[in-house]
Amino acid sequence: MKRVFSVENRMLVERYRQALEDAGIPCQLRNEFLGGGAGELPVNEVWPEIWVADEDEQRARTLLKELKAREADPGPDWTCPRCGETLGGQFDACWNCGALRTEE
Protein backbone atom coordinates (compact mmCIF):
# COMPACT_ATOMS: atom_id res chain seq x y z
CA MET A 1 0.00 0.00 0.00
CA LYS A 2 1.13 3.56 -0.75
CA ARG A 3 0.07 6.81 0.85
CA VAL A 4 -1.08 9.18 -1.89
CA PHE A 5 -2.59 12.07 0.07
CA SER A 6 -2.61 13.57 3.54
CA VAL A 7 -3.74 16.94 4.84
CA GLU A 8 -5.24 18.28 8.06
CA ASN A 9 -8.65 19.01 6.48
CA ARG A 10 -10.68 15.79 6.89
CA MET A 11 -13.42 17.01 4.53
CA LEU A 12 -10.89 17.48 1.73
CA VAL A 13 -9.41 14.04 2.38
CA GLU A 14 -12.89 12.51 2.24
CA ARG A 15 -13.72 14.35 -1.00
CA TYR A 16 -10.55 13.08 -2.67
CA ARG A 17 -11.09 9.57 -1.31
CA GLN A 18 -14.58 9.55 -2.80
CA ALA A 19 -13.26 10.79 -6.17
CA LEU A 20 -10.71 7.97 -6.23
CA GLU A 21 -13.36 5.39 -5.29
CA ASP A 22 -15.67 6.77 -8.01
CA ALA A 23 -12.83 6.28 -10.50
CA GLY A 24 -12.58 2.62 -9.48
CA ILE A 25 -9.52 2.97 -7.26
CA PRO A 26 -10.11 1.24 -3.90
CA CYS A 27 -8.81 3.35 -1.01
CA GLN A 28 -8.06 2.96 2.62
CA LEU A 29 -8.48 5.92 4.97
CA ARG A 30 -5.98 5.94 7.83
CA ASN A 31 -5.56 8.17 10.89
CA GLU A 32 -9.24 8.95 10.62
CA PHE A 33 -9.69 9.45 14.37
CA LEU A 34 -6.13 10.21 15.42
CA GLY A 35 -6.60 14.00 15.63
CA GLY A 36 -7.02 13.81 19.40
CA GLY A 37 -3.39 12.75 19.64
CA ALA A 38 -2.14 16.10 18.37
CA GLY A 39 0.29 17.49 20.90
CA GLU A 40 1.36 14.06 22.07
CA LEU A 41 2.29 13.15 18.49
CA PRO A 42 3.70 15.38 15.74
CA VAL A 43 0.78 17.29 14.22
CA ASN A 44 1.30 16.10 10.62
CA GLU A 45 1.45 12.49 11.85
CA VAL A 46 -2.18 12.62 12.96
CA TRP A 47 -3.60 13.98 9.71
CA PRO A 48 -5.99 11.65 7.85
CA GLU A 49 -4.33 9.81 4.98
CA ILE A 50 -5.49 8.11 1.78
CA TRP A 51 -3.72 4.86 0.91
CA VAL A 52 -4.08 2.80 -2.27
CA ALA A 53 -2.68 -0.50 -3.55
CA ASP A 54 0.79 -0.30 -5.08
CA GLU A 55 -0.54 -0.98 -8.58
CA ASP A 56 -3.04 1.93 -8.29
CA GLU A 57 -0.57 4.50 -7.01
CA GLN A 58 0.32 6.19 -10.29
CA ARG A 59 -3.27 6.38 -11.50
CA ALA A 60 -4.37 7.77 -8.11
CA ARG A 61 -1.64 10.41 -8.11
CA THR A 62 -2.54 11.46 -11.65
CA LEU A 63 -6.23 11.78 -10.77
CA LEU A 64 -5.46 13.76 -7.60
CA LYS A 65 -3.21 16.11 -9.58
CA GLU A 66 -6.04 16.71 -12.07
CA LEU A 67 -8.53 17.34 -9.26
CA LYS A 68 -6.23 19.87 -7.59
CA ALA A 69 -5.64 21.69 -10.89
CA ARG A 70 -9.37 21.81 -11.57
CA GLU A 71 -10.05 23.23 -8.11
CA ALA A 72 -7.44 25.93 -8.68
CA ASP A 73 -9.15 26.91 -11.95
CA PRO A 74 -12.70 25.54 -12.08
CA GLY A 75 -13.38 27.03 -15.49
CA PRO A 76 -16.33 29.08 -16.66
CA ASP A 77 -19.90 28.87 -15.46
CA TRP A 78 -22.08 26.35 -17.29
CA THR A 79 -25.75 25.91 -18.04
CA CYS A 80 -27.59 22.76 -17.05
CA PRO A 81 -28.67 20.87 -20.17
CA ARG A 82 -31.86 19.67 -18.44
CA CYS A 83 -33.31 22.69 -16.61
CA GLY A 84 -31.26 25.65 -17.88
CA GLU A 85 -29.91 26.66 -14.45
CA THR A 86 -26.60 28.56 -14.50
CA LEU A 87 -23.96 26.99 -12.26
CA GLY A 88 -20.41 27.79 -11.24
CA GLY A 89 -17.54 26.03 -12.97
CA GLN A 90 -16.64 24.15 -9.79
CA PHE A 91 -19.89 22.16 -9.85
CA ASP A 92 -20.26 18.86 -11.73
CA ALA A 93 -23.98 18.42 -11.05
CA CYS A 94 -26.93 20.77 -11.13
CA TRP A 95 -28.14 21.76 -7.66
CA ASN A 96 -31.64 22.29 -9.03
CA CYS A 97 -32.38 19.04 -10.89
CA GLY A 98 -29.35 16.81 -10.26
CA ALA A 99 -28.33 16.50 -13.92
CA LEU A 100 -24.63 15.86 -14.46
CA ARG A 101 -22.47 18.34 -16.32
CA THR A 102 -21.82 17.22 -19.87
CA GLU A 103 -18.50 17.59 -21.63
CA GLU A 104 -18.57 20.53 -23.98
PDB file of N, CA and C in Angstrom:
ATOM      1  N   MET A   1       0.842  -1.180   0.000  1.00  0.00           N
ATOM      2  CA  MET A   1       0.000   0.000   0.000  1.00  0.00           C
ATOM      3  C   MET A   1       0.888   1.244   0.000  1.00  0.00           C
ATOM      4  N   LYS A   2       0.392   2.292  -0.665  1.00  0.00           N
ATOM      5  CA  LYS A   2       1.128   3.556  -0.750  1.00  0.00           C
ATOM      6  C   LYS A   2       0.228   4.703  -0.305  1.00  0.00           C
ATOM      7  N   ARG A   3       0.801   5.606   0.458  1.00  0.00           N
ATOM      8  CA  ARG A   3       0.069   6.810   0.848  1.00  0.00           C
ATOM      9  C   ARG A   3       0.126   7.787  -0.322  1.00  0.00           C
ATOM     10  N   VAL A   4      -1.041   8.270  -0.754  1.00  0.00           N
ATOM     11  CA  VAL A   4      -1.078   9.182  -1.893  1.00  0.00           C
ATOM     12  C   VAL A   4      -1.542  10.584  -1.522  1.00  0.00           C
ATOM     13  N   PHE A   5      -2.118  10.739  -0.310  1.00  0.00           N
ATOM     14  CA  PHE A   5      -2.591  12.070   0.065  1.00  0.00           C
ATOM     15  C   PHE A   5      -2.769  12.157   1.567  1.00  0.00           C
ATOM     16  N   SER A   6      -2.408  13.303   2.120  1.00  0.00           N
ATOM     17  CA  SER A   6      -2.609  13.571   3.537  1.00  0.00           C
ATOM     18  C   SER A   6      -2.647  15.075   3.737  1.00  0.00           C
ATOM     19  N   VAL A   7      -3.617  15.526   4.511  1.00  0.00           N
ATOM     20  CA  VAL A   7      -3.742  16.941   4.838  1.00  0.00           C
ATOM     21  C   VAL A   7      -4.598  17.040   6.094  1.00  0.00           C
ATOM     22  N   GLU A   8      -4.516  18.154   6.797  1.00  0.00           N
ATOM     23  CA  GLU A   8      -5.244  18.275   8.055  1.00  0.00           C
ATOM     24  C   GLU A   8      -6.755  18.378   7.875  1.00  0.00           C
ATOM     25  N   ASN A   9      -7.225  18.804   6.725  1.00  0.00           N
ATOM     26  CA  ASN A   9      -8.651  19.006   6.477  1.00  0.00           C
ATOM     27  C   ASN A   9      -9.321  17.672   6.135  1.00  0.00           C
ATOM     28  N   ARG A  10     -10.054  17.111   7.081  1.00  0.00           N
ATOM     29  CA  ARG A  10     -10.675  15.793   6.886  1.00  0.00           C
ATOM     30  C   ARG A  10     -11.713  15.811   5.762  1.00  0.00           C
ATOM     31  N   MET A  11     -12.428  16.928   5.596  1.00  0.00           N
ATOM     32  CA  MET A  11     -13.424  17.010   4.530  1.00  0.00           C
ATOM     33  C   MET A  11     -12.765  16.917   3.158  1.00  0.00           C
ATOM     34  N   LEU A  12     -11.616  17.551   2.991  1.00  0.00           N
ATOM     35  CA  LEU A  12     -10.889  17.478   1.726  1.00  0.00           C
ATOM     36  C   LEU A  12     -10.386  16.059   1.477  1.00  0.00           C
ATOM     37  N   VAL A  13      -9.877  15.421   2.511  1.00  0.00           N
ATOM     38  CA  VAL A  13      -9.414  14.041   2.382  1.00  0.00           C
ATOM     39  C   VAL A  13     -10.572  13.142   1.956  1.00  0.00           C
ATOM     40  N   GLU A  14     -11.721  13.337   2.569  1.00  0.00           N
ATOM     41  CA  GLU A  14     -12.887  12.514   2.239  1.00  0.00           C
ATOM     42  C   GLU A  14     -13.354  12.779   0.802  1.00  0.00           C
ATOM     43  N   ARG A  15     -13.321  14.034   0.372  1.00  0.00           N
ATOM     44  CA  ARG A  15     -13.722  14.348  -1.003  1.00  0.00           C
ATOM     45  C   ARG A  15     -12.790  13.672  -2.012  1.00  0.00           C
ATOM     46  N   TYR A  16     -11.488  13.715  -1.760  1.00  0.00           N
ATOM     47  CA  TYR A  16     -10.546  13.075  -2.667  1.00  0.00           C
ATOM     48  C   TYR A  16     -10.662  11.553  -2.616  1.00  0.00           C
ATOM     49  N   ARG A  17     -10.903  11.010  -1.428  1.00  0.00           N
ATOM     50  CA  ARG A  17     -11.092   9.568  -1.312  1.00  0.00           C
ATOM     51  C   ARG A  17     -12.300   9.131  -2.136  1.00  0.00           C
ATOM     52  N   GLN A  18     -13.374   9.892  -2.045  1.00  0.00           N
ATOM     53  CA  GLN A  18     -14.582   9.549  -2.800  1.00  0.00           C
ATOM     54  C   GLN A  18     -14.331   9.649  -4.306  1.00  0.00           C
ATOM     55  N   ALA A  19     -13.585  10.645  -4.744  1.00  0.00           N
ATOM     56  CA  ALA A  19     -13.264  10.791  -6.167  1.00  0.00           C
ATOM     57  C   ALA A  19     -12.453   9.592  -6.659  1.00  0.00           C
ATOM     58  N   LEU A  20     -11.504   9.134  -5.854  1.00  0.00           N
ATOM     59  CA  LEU A  20     -10.712   7.966  -6.233  1.00  0.00           C
ATOM     60  C   LEU A  20     -11.592   6.720  -6.292  1.00  0.00           C
ATOM     61  N   GLU A  21     -12.437   6.545  -5.297  1.00  0.00           N
ATOM     62  CA  GLU A  21     -13.356   5.392  -5.289  1.00  0.00           C
ATOM     63  C   GLU A  21     -14.280   5.432  -6.508  1.00  0.00           C
ATOM     64  N   ASP A  22     -14.791   6.621  -6.840  1.00  0.00           N
ATOM     65  CA  ASP A  22     -15.672   6.769  -8.008  1.00  0.00           C
ATOM     66  C   ASP A  22     -14.947   6.415  -9.304  1.00  0.00           C
ATOM     67  N   ALA A  23     -13.635   6.606  -9.323  1.00  0.00           N
ATOM     68  CA  ALA A  23     -12.834   6.277 -10.502  1.00  0.00           C
ATOM     69  C   ALA A  23     -12.415   4.807 -10.509  1.00  0.00           C
ATOM     70  N   GLY A  24     -12.890   4.051  -9.524  1.00  0.00           N
ATOM     71  CA  GLY A  24     -12.576   2.624  -9.483  1.00  0.00           C
ATOM     72  C   GLY A  24     -11.273   2.284  -8.788  1.00  0.00           C
ATOM     73  N   ILE A  25     -10.758   3.207  -7.991  1.00  0.00           N
ATOM     74  CA  ILE A  25      -9.516   2.973  -7.257  1.00  0.00           C
ATOM     75  C   ILE A  25      -9.880   2.747  -5.793  1.00  0.00           C
ATOM     76  N   PRO A  26      -9.796   1.504  -5.320  1.00  0.00           N
ATOM     77  CA  PRO A  26     -10.108   1.239  -3.903  1.00  0.00           C
ATOM     78  C   PRO A  26      -9.123   1.966  -2.989  1.00  0.00           C
ATOM     79  N   CYS A  27      -9.634   2.563  -1.933  1.00  0.00           N
ATOM     80  CA  CYS A  27      -8.812   3.349  -1.009  1.00  0.00           C
ATOM     81  C   CYS A  27      -8.981   2.859   0.416  1.00  0.00           C
ATOM     82  N   GLN A  28      -7.995   3.206   1.203  1.00  0.00           N
ATOM     83  CA  GLN A  28      -8.062   2.957   2.625  1.00  0.00           C
ATOM     84  C   GLN A  28      -7.781   4.287   3.316  1.00  0.00           C
ATOM     85  N   LEU A  29      -8.658   4.688   4.218  1.00  0.00           N
ATOM     86  CA  LEU A  29      -8.480   5.919   4.969  1.00  0.00           C
ATOM     87  C   LEU A  29      -7.824   5.564   6.296  1.00  0.00           C
ATOM     88  N   ARG A  30      -6.702   6.197   6.584  1.00  0.00           N
ATOM     89  CA  ARG A  30      -5.976   5.936   7.828  1.00  0.00           C
ATOM     90  C   ARG A  30      -5.889   7.219   8.657  1.00  0.00           C
ATOM     91  N   ASN A  31      -5.660   7.056   9.940  1.00  0.00           N
ATOM     92  CA  ASN A  31      -5.561   8.172  10.894  1.00  0.00           C
ATOM     93  C   ASN A  31      -6.867   8.950  10.985  1.00  0.00           C
ATOM     94  N   GLU A  32      -7.938   8.309  10.660  1.00  0.00           N
ATOM     95  CA  GLU A  32      -9.243   8.954  10.622  1.00  0.00           C
ATOM     96  C   GLU A  32      -9.611   9.606  11.957  1.00  0.00           C
ATOM     97  N   PHE A  33      -9.297   8.957  13.054  1.00  0.00           N
ATOM     98  CA  PHE A  33      -9.692   9.448  14.373  1.00  0.00           C
ATOM     99  C   PHE A  33      -8.490   9.752  15.265  1.00  0.00           C
ATOM    100  N   LEU A  34      -7.357  10.019  14.656  1.00  0.00           N
ATOM    101  CA  LEU A  34      -6.130  10.214  15.416  1.00  0.00           C
ATOM    102  C   LEU A  34      -5.910  11.679  15.815  1.00  0.00           C
ATOM    103  N   GLY A  35      -6.772  12.572  15.360  1.00  0.00           N
ATOM    104  CA  GLY A  35      -6.604  14.003  15.633  1.00  0.00           C
ATOM    105  C   GLY A  35      -6.478  14.336  17.101  1.00  0.00           C
ATOM    106  N   GLY A  36      -7.106  13.553  17.965  1.00  0.00           N
ATOM    107  CA  GLY A  36      -7.021  13.806  19.396  1.00  0.00           C
ATOM    108  C   GLY A  36      -5.626  13.616  19.953  1.00  0.00           C
ATOM    109  N   GLY A  37      -4.765  12.972  19.184  1.00  0.00           N
ATOM    110  CA  GLY A  37      -3.395  12.752  19.636  1.00  0.00           C
ATOM    111  C   GLY A  37      -2.468  13.906  19.339  1.00  0.00           C
ATOM    112  N   ALA A  38      -2.983  14.945  18.683  1.00  0.00           N
ATOM    113  CA  ALA A  38      -2.142  16.103  18.365  1.00  0.00           C
ATOM    114  C   ALA A  38      -1.610  16.699  19.671  1.00  0.00           C
ATOM    115  N   GLY A  39      -0.353  16.983  19.695  1.00  0.00           N
ATOM    116  CA  GLY A  39       0.294  17.488  20.897  1.00  0.00           C
ATOM    117  C   GLY A  39       1.150  16.402  21.522  1.00  0.00           C
ATOM    118  N   GLU A  40       0.594  15.211  21.596  1.00  0.00           N
ATOM    119  CA  GLU A  40       1.360  14.063  22.066  1.00  0.00           C
ATOM    120  C   GLU A  40       2.180  13.474  20.921  1.00  0.00           C
ATOM    121  N   LEU A  41       1.642  13.620  19.722  1.00  0.00           N
ATOM    122  CA  LEU A  41       2.290  13.149  18.493  1.00  0.00           C
ATOM    123  C   LEU A  41       2.529  14.347  17.596  1.00  0.00           C
ATOM    124  N   PRO A  42       3.509  14.278  16.685  1.00  0.00           N
ATOM    125  CA  PRO A  42       3.704  15.376  15.737  1.00  0.00           C
ATOM    126  C   PRO A  42       2.412  15.641  14.958  1.00  0.00           C
ATOM    127  N   VAL A  43       2.079  16.914  14.782  1.00  0.00           N
ATOM    128  CA  VAL A  43       0.783  17.286  14.216  1.00  0.00           C
ATOM    129  C   VAL A  43       0.531  16.675  12.839  1.00  0.00           C
ATOM    130  N   ASN A  44       1.526  16.650  11.957  1.00  0.00           N
ATOM    131  CA  ASN A  44       1.303  16.096  10.624  1.00  0.00           C
ATOM    132  C   ASN A  44       1.231  14.572  10.634  1.00  0.00           C
ATOM    133  N   GLU A  45       1.558  13.941  11.745  1.00  0.00           N
ATOM    134  CA  GLU A  45       1.450  12.486  11.850  1.00  0.00           C
ATOM    135  C   GLU A  45       0.039  12.040  12.206  1.00  0.00           C
ATOM    136  N   VAL A  46      -0.812  12.978  12.597  1.00  0.00           N
ATOM    137  CA  VAL A  46      -2.182  12.619  12.965  1.00  0.00           C
ATOM    138  C   VAL A  46      -3.188  13.041  11.891  1.00  0.00           C
ATOM    139  N   TRP A  47      -2.710  13.608  10.798  1.00  0.00           N
ATOM    140  CA  TRP A  47      -3.600  13.984   9.706  1.00  0.00           C
ATOM    141  C   TRP A  47      -4.180  12.739   9.052  1.00  0.00           C
ATOM    142  N   PRO A  48      -5.429  12.791   8.593  1.00  0.00           N
ATOM    143  CA  PRO A  48      -5.991  11.653   7.854  1.00  0.00           C
ATOM    144  C   PRO A  48      -5.228  11.438   6.543  1.00  0.00           C
ATOM    145  N   GLU A  49      -5.112  10.180   6.159  1.00  0.00           N
ATOM    146  CA  GLU A  49      -4.331   9.809   4.976  1.00  0.00           C
ATOM    147  C   GLU A  49      -5.147   8.897   4.063  1.00  0.00           C
ATOM    148  N   ILE A  50      -4.899   9.018   2.768  1.00  0.00           N
ATOM    149  CA  ILE A  50      -5.491   8.108   1.782  1.00  0.00           C
ATOM    150  C   ILE A  50      -4.386   7.183   1.294  1.00  0.00           C
ATOM    151  N   TRP A  51      -4.655   5.890   1.371  1.00  0.00           N
ATOM    152  CA  TRP A  51      -3.720   4.863   0.914  1.00  0.00           C
ATOM    153  C   TRP A  51      -4.379   4.043  -0.173  1.00  0.00           C
ATOM    154  N   VAL A  52      -3.585   3.644  -1.173  1.00  0.00           N
ATOM    155  CA  VAL A  52      -4.079   2.805  -2.268  1.00  0.00           C
ATOM    156  C   VAL A  52      -3.099   1.647  -2.488  1.00  0.00           C
ATOM    157  N   ALA A  53      -3.546   0.639  -3.206  1.00  0.00           N
ATOM    158  CA  ALA A  53      -2.680  -0.496  -3.546  1.00  0.00           C
ATOM    159  C   ALA A  53      -1.530  -0.002  -4.425  1.00  0.00           C
ATOM    160  N   ASP A  54      -0.400  -0.680  -4.318  1.00  0.00           N
ATOM    161  CA  ASP A  54       0.791  -0.296  -5.083  1.00  0.00           C
ATOM    162  C   ASP A  54       0.496  -0.115  -6.567  1.00  0.00           C
ATOM    163  N   GLU A  55      -0.275  -1.030  -7.138  1.00  0.00           N
ATOM    164  CA  GLU A  55      -0.543  -0.980  -8.577  1.00  0.00           C
ATOM    165  C   GLU A  55      -1.467   0.184  -8.975  1.00  0.00           C
ATOM    166  N   ASP A  56      -2.149   0.800  -8.009  1.00  0.00           N
ATOM    167  CA  ASP A  56      -3.041   1.928  -8.289  1.00  0.00           C
ATOM    168  C   ASP A  56      -2.403   3.277  -7.989  1.00  0.00           C
ATOM    169  N   GLU A  57      -1.190   3.259  -7.459  1.00  0.00           N
ATOM    170  CA  GLU A  57      -0.567   4.498  -7.006  1.00  0.00           C
ATOM    171  C   GLU A  57      -0.452   5.549  -8.103  1.00  0.00           C
ATOM    172  N   GLN A  58       0.104   5.198  -9.242  1.00  0.00           N
ATOM    173  CA  GLN A  58       0.319   6.188 -10.294  1.00  0.00           C
ATOM    174  C   GLN A  58      -0.989   6.764 -10.809  1.00  0.00           C
ATOM    175  N   ARG A  59      -1.962   5.901 -11.029  1.00  0.00           N
ATOM    176  CA  ARG A  59      -3.272   6.376 -11.496  1.00  0.00           C
ATOM    177  C   ARG A  59      -3.916   7.293 -10.460  1.00  0.00           C
ATOM    178  N   ALA A  60      -3.800   6.946  -9.184  1.00  0.00           N
ATOM    179  CA  ALA A  60      -4.372   7.773  -8.112  1.00  0.00           C
ATOM    180  C   ALA A  60      -3.680   9.133  -8.059  1.00  0.00           C
ATOM    181  N   ARG A  61      -2.369   9.142  -8.149  1.00  0.00           N
ATOM    182  CA  ARG A  61      -1.635  10.411  -8.106  1.00  0.00           C
ATOM    183  C   ARG A  61      -1.996  11.303  -9.301  1.00  0.00           C
ATOM    184  N   THR A  62      -2.156  10.696 -10.465  1.00  0.00           N
ATOM    185  CA  THR A  62      -2.540  11.458 -11.654  1.00  0.00           C
ATOM    186  C   THR A  62      -3.927  12.074 -11.472  1.00  0.00           C
ATOM    187  N   LEU A  63      -4.872  11.287 -10.985  1.00  0.00           N
ATOM    188  CA  LEU A  63      -6.229  11.784 -10.766  1.00  0.00           C
ATOM    189  C   LEU A  63      -6.246  12.897  -9.719  1.00  0.00           C
ATOM    190  N   LEU A  64      -5.510  12.730  -8.629  1.00  0.00           N
ATOM    191  CA  LEU A  64      -5.457  13.765  -7.598  1.00  0.00           C
ATOM    192  C   LEU A  64      -4.844  15.054  -8.142  1.00  0.00           C
ATOM    193  N   LYS A  65      -3.826  14.933  -8.969  1.00  0.00           N
ATOM    194  CA  LYS A  65      -3.210  16.115  -9.580  1.00  0.00           C
ATOM    195  C   LYS A  65      -4.219  16.854 -10.457  1.00  0.00           C
ATOM    196  N   GLU A  66      -5.010  16.103 -11.226  1.00  0.00           N
ATOM    197  CA  GLU A  66      -6.037  16.706 -12.071  1.00  0.00           C
ATOM    198  C   GLU A  66      -7.109  17.391 -11.229  1.00  0.00           C
ATOM    199  N   LEU A  67      -7.518  16.758 -10.140  1.00  0.00           N
ATOM    200  CA  LEU A  67      -8.532  17.344  -9.261  1.00  0.00           C
ATOM    201  C   LEU A  67      -8.034  18.646  -8.650  1.00  0.00           C
ATOM    202  N   LYS A  68      -6.793  18.669  -8.193  1.00  0.00           N
ATOM    203  CA  LYS A  68      -6.228  19.872  -7.592  1.00  0.00           C
ATOM    204  C   LYS A  68      -6.140  20.999  -8.618  1.00  0.00           C
ATOM    205  N   ALA A  69      -5.735  20.672  -9.838  1.00  0.00           N
ATOM    206  CA  ALA A  69      -5.641  21.687 -10.893  1.00  0.00           C
ATOM    207  C   ALA A  69      -7.019  22.245 -11.226  1.00  0.00           C
ATOM    208  N   ARG A  70      -8.006  21.370 -11.260  1.00  0.00           N
ATOM    209  CA  ARG A  70      -9.365  21.814 -11.572  1.00  0.00           C
ATOM    210  C   ARG A  70      -9.926  22.695 -10.471  1.00  0.00           C
ATOM    211  N   GLU A  71      -9.591  22.395  -9.219  1.00  0.00           N
ATOM    212  CA  GLU A  71     -10.054  23.231  -8.111  1.00  0.00           C
ATOM    213  C   GLU A  71      -9.397  24.604  -8.153  1.00  0.00           C
ATOM    214  N   ALA A  72      -8.144  24.655  -8.588  1.00  0.00           N
ATOM    215  CA  ALA A  72      -7.439  25.929  -8.680  1.00  0.00           C
ATOM    216  C   ALA A  72      -8.042  26.806  -9.774  1.00  0.00           C
ATOM    217  N   ASP A  73      -8.517  26.179 -10.845  1.00  0.00           N
ATOM    218  CA  ASP A  73      -9.147  26.907 -11.953  1.00  0.00           C
ATOM    219  C   ASP A  73     -10.368  26.115 -12.406  1.00  0.00           C
ATOM    220  N   PRO A  74     -11.524  26.357 -11.783  1.00  0.00           N
ATOM    221  CA  PRO A  74     -12.701  25.543 -12.084  1.00  0.00           C
ATOM    222  C   PRO A  74     -13.299  25.767 -13.469  1.00  0.00           C
ATOM    223  N   GLY A  75     -12.843  26.784 -14.156  1.00  0.00           N
ATOM    224  CA  GLY A  75     -13.378  27.034 -15.491  1.00  0.00           C
ATOM    225  C   GLY A  75     -14.618  27.920 -15.445  1.00  0.00           C
ATOM    226  N   PRO A  76     -15.196  28.157 -16.590  1.00  0.00           N
ATOM    227  CA  PRO A  76     -16.332  29.079 -16.661  1.00  0.00           C
ATOM    228  C   PRO A  76     -17.620  28.456 -16.103  1.00  0.00           C
ATOM    229  N   ASP A  77     -18.573  29.332 -15.837  1.00  0.00           N
ATOM    230  CA  ASP A  77     -19.904  28.869 -15.457  1.00  0.00           C
ATOM    231  C   ASP A  77     -20.476  28.038 -16.589  1.00  0.00           C
ATOM    232  N   TRP A  78     -21.443  27.181 -16.271  1.00  0.00           N
ATOM    233  CA  TRP A  78     -22.079  26.348 -17.287  1.00  0.00           C
ATOM    234  C   TRP A  78     -23.574  26.329 -17.069  1.00  0.00           C
ATOM    235  N   THR A  79     -24.296  25.958 -18.096  1.00  0.00           N
ATOM    236  CA  THR A  79     -25.752  25.908 -18.044  1.00  0.00           C
ATOM    237  C   THR A  79     -26.197  24.459 -18.065  1.00  0.00           C
ATOM    238  N   CYS A  80     -27.074  24.123 -17.149  1.00  0.00           N
ATOM    239  CA  CYS A  80     -27.585  22.760 -17.052  1.00  0.00           C
ATOM    240  C   CYS A  80     -28.334  22.403 -18.333  1.00  0.00           C
ATOM    241  N   PRO A  81     -27.998  21.256 -18.925  1.00  0.00           N
ATOM    242  CA  PRO A  81     -28.667  20.867 -20.171  1.00  0.00           C
ATOM    243  C   PRO A  81     -30.118  20.448 -19.951  1.00  0.00           C
ATOM    244  N   ARG A  82     -30.493  20.123 -18.717  1.00  0.00           N
ATOM    245  CA  ARG A  82     -31.856  19.669 -18.443  1.00  0.00           C
ATOM    246  C   ARG A  82     -32.796  20.819 -18.076  1.00  0.00           C
ATOM    247  N   CYS A  83     -32.371  21.668 -17.111  1.00  0.00           N
ATOM    248  CA  CYS A  83     -33.309  22.686 -16.612  1.00  0.00           C
ATOM    249  C   CYS A  83     -32.898  24.117 -16.946  1.00  0.00           C
ATOM    250  N   GLY A  84     -31.696  24.310 -17.481  1.00  0.00           N
ATOM    251  CA  GLY A  84     -31.263  25.645 -17.879  1.00  0.00           C
ATOM    252  C   GLY A  84     -30.671  26.490 -16.762  1.00  0.00           C
ATOM    253  N   GLU A  85     -30.492  25.925 -15.585  1.00  0.00           N
ATOM    254  CA  GLU A  85     -29.915  26.660 -14.453  1.00  0.00           C
ATOM    255  C   GLU A  85     -28.447  26.986 -14.740  1.00  0.00           C
ATOM    256  N   THR A  86     -27.997  28.183 -14.355  1.00  0.00           N
ATOM    257  CA  THR A  86     -26.599  28.564 -14.504  1.00  0.00           C
ATOM    258  C   THR A  86     -25.858  28.186 -13.223  1.00  0.00           C
ATOM    259  N   LEU A  87     -24.732  27.492 -13.394  1.00  0.00           N
ATOM    260  CA  LEU A  87     -23.965  26.987 -12.260  1.00  0.00           C
ATOM    261  C   LEU A  87     -22.505  27.388 -12.384  1.00  0.00           C
ATOM    262  N   GLY A  88     -21.833  27.469 -11.255  1.00  0.00           N
ATOM    263  CA  GLY A  88     -20.414  27.790 -11.237  1.00  0.00           C
ATOM    264  C   GLY A  88     -19.581  26.666 -11.828  1.00  0.00           C
ATOM    265  N   GLY A  89     -18.419  27.005 -12.337  1.00  0.00           N
ATOM    266  CA  GLY A  89     -17.545  26.031 -12.971  1.00  0.00           C
ATOM    267  C   GLY A  89     -17.055  24.929 -12.048  1.00  0.00           C
ATOM    268  N   GLN A  90     -17.118  25.157 -10.734  1.00  0.00           N
ATOM    269  CA  GLN A  90     -16.636  24.149  -9.789  1.00  0.00           C
ATOM    270  C   GLN A  90     -17.636  23.021  -9.565  1.00  0.00           C
ATOM    271  N   PHE A  91     -18.862  23.170 -10.069  1.00  0.00           N
ATOM    272  CA  PHE A  91     -19.891  22.155  -9.854  1.00  0.00           C
ATOM    273  C   PHE A  91     -19.981  21.181 -11.020  1.00  0.00           C
ATOM    274  N   ASP A  92     -20.135  19.898 -10.710  1.00  0.00           N
ATOM    275  CA  ASP A  92     -20.262  18.857 -11.727  1.00  0.00           C
ATOM    276  C   ASP A  92     -21.700  18.380 -11.883  1.00  0.00           C
ATOM    277  N   ALA A  93     -22.570  18.811 -10.987  1.00  0.00           N
ATOM    278  CA  ALA A  93     -23.979  18.421 -11.054  1.00  0.00           C
ATOM    279  C   ALA A  93     -24.832  19.637 -10.741  1.00  0.00           C
ATOM    280  N   CYS A  94     -25.995  19.673 -11.332  1.00  0.00           N
ATOM    281  CA  CYS A  94     -26.926  20.775 -11.130  1.00  0.00           C
ATOM    282  C   CYS A  94     -27.570  20.672  -9.746  1.00  0.00           C
ATOM    283  N   TRP A  95     -27.528  21.758  -8.993  1.00  0.00           N
ATOM    284  CA  TRP A  95     -28.139  21.757  -7.659  1.00  0.00           C
ATOM    285  C   TRP A  95     -29.650  21.723  -7.758  1.00  0.00           C
ATOM    286  N   ASN A  96     -30.191  22.182  -8.874  1.00  0.00           N
ATOM    287  CA  ASN A  96     -31.639  22.294  -9.028  1.00  0.00           C
ATOM    288  C   ASN A  96     -32.294  20.966  -9.410  1.00  0.00           C
ATOM    289  N   CYS A  97     -31.728  20.266 -10.395  1.00  0.00           N
ATOM    290  CA  CYS A  97     -32.382  19.041 -10.887  1.00  0.00           C
ATOM    291  C   CYS A  97     -31.510  17.787 -10.775  1.00  0.00           C
ATOM    292  N   GLY A  98     -30.219  17.962 -10.426  1.00  0.00           N
ATOM    293  CA  GLY A  98     -29.349  16.808 -10.258  1.00  0.00           C
ATOM    294  C   GLY A  98     -28.680  16.308 -11.525  1.00  0.00           C
ATOM    295  N   ALA A  99     -28.938  16.930 -12.660  1.00  0.00           N
ATOM    296  CA  ALA A  99     -28.327  16.496 -13.918  1.00  0.00           C
ATOM    297  C   ALA A  99     -26.818  16.698 -13.855  1.00  0.00           C
ATOM    298  N   LEU A 100     -26.084  15.769 -14.434  1.00  0.00           N
ATOM    299  CA  LEU A 100     -24.628  15.865 -14.458  1.00  0.00           C
ATOM    300  C   LEU A 100     -24.172  16.797 -15.565  1.00  0.00           C
ATOM    301  N   ARG A 101     -23.074  17.472 -15.315  1.00  0.00           N
ATOM    302  CA  ARG A 101     -22.466  18.345 -16.316  1.00  0.00           C
ATOM    303  C   ARG A 101     -22.005  17.501 -17.483  1.00  0.00           C
ATOM    304  N   THR A 102     -22.263  17.940 -18.674  1.00  0.00           N
ATOM    305  CA  THR A 102     -21.819  17.219 -19.865  1.00  0.00           C
ATOM    306  C   THR A 102     -20.549  17.864 -20.387  1.00  0.00           C
ATOM    307  N   GLU A 103     -19.712  17.054 -21.022  1.00  0.00           N
ATOM    308  CA  GLU A 103     -18.495  17.590 -21.628  1.00  0.00           C
ATOM    309  C   GLU A 103     -18.878  18.461 -22.804  1.00  0.00           C
ATOM    310  N   GLU A 104     -18.243  19.610 -22.891  1.00  0.00           N
ATOM    311  CA  GLU A 104     -18.568  20.533 -23.978  1.00  0.00           C
ATOM    312  C   GLU A 104     -17.598  20.409 -25.110  1.00  0.00           C
TER     313      GLU A 104
END
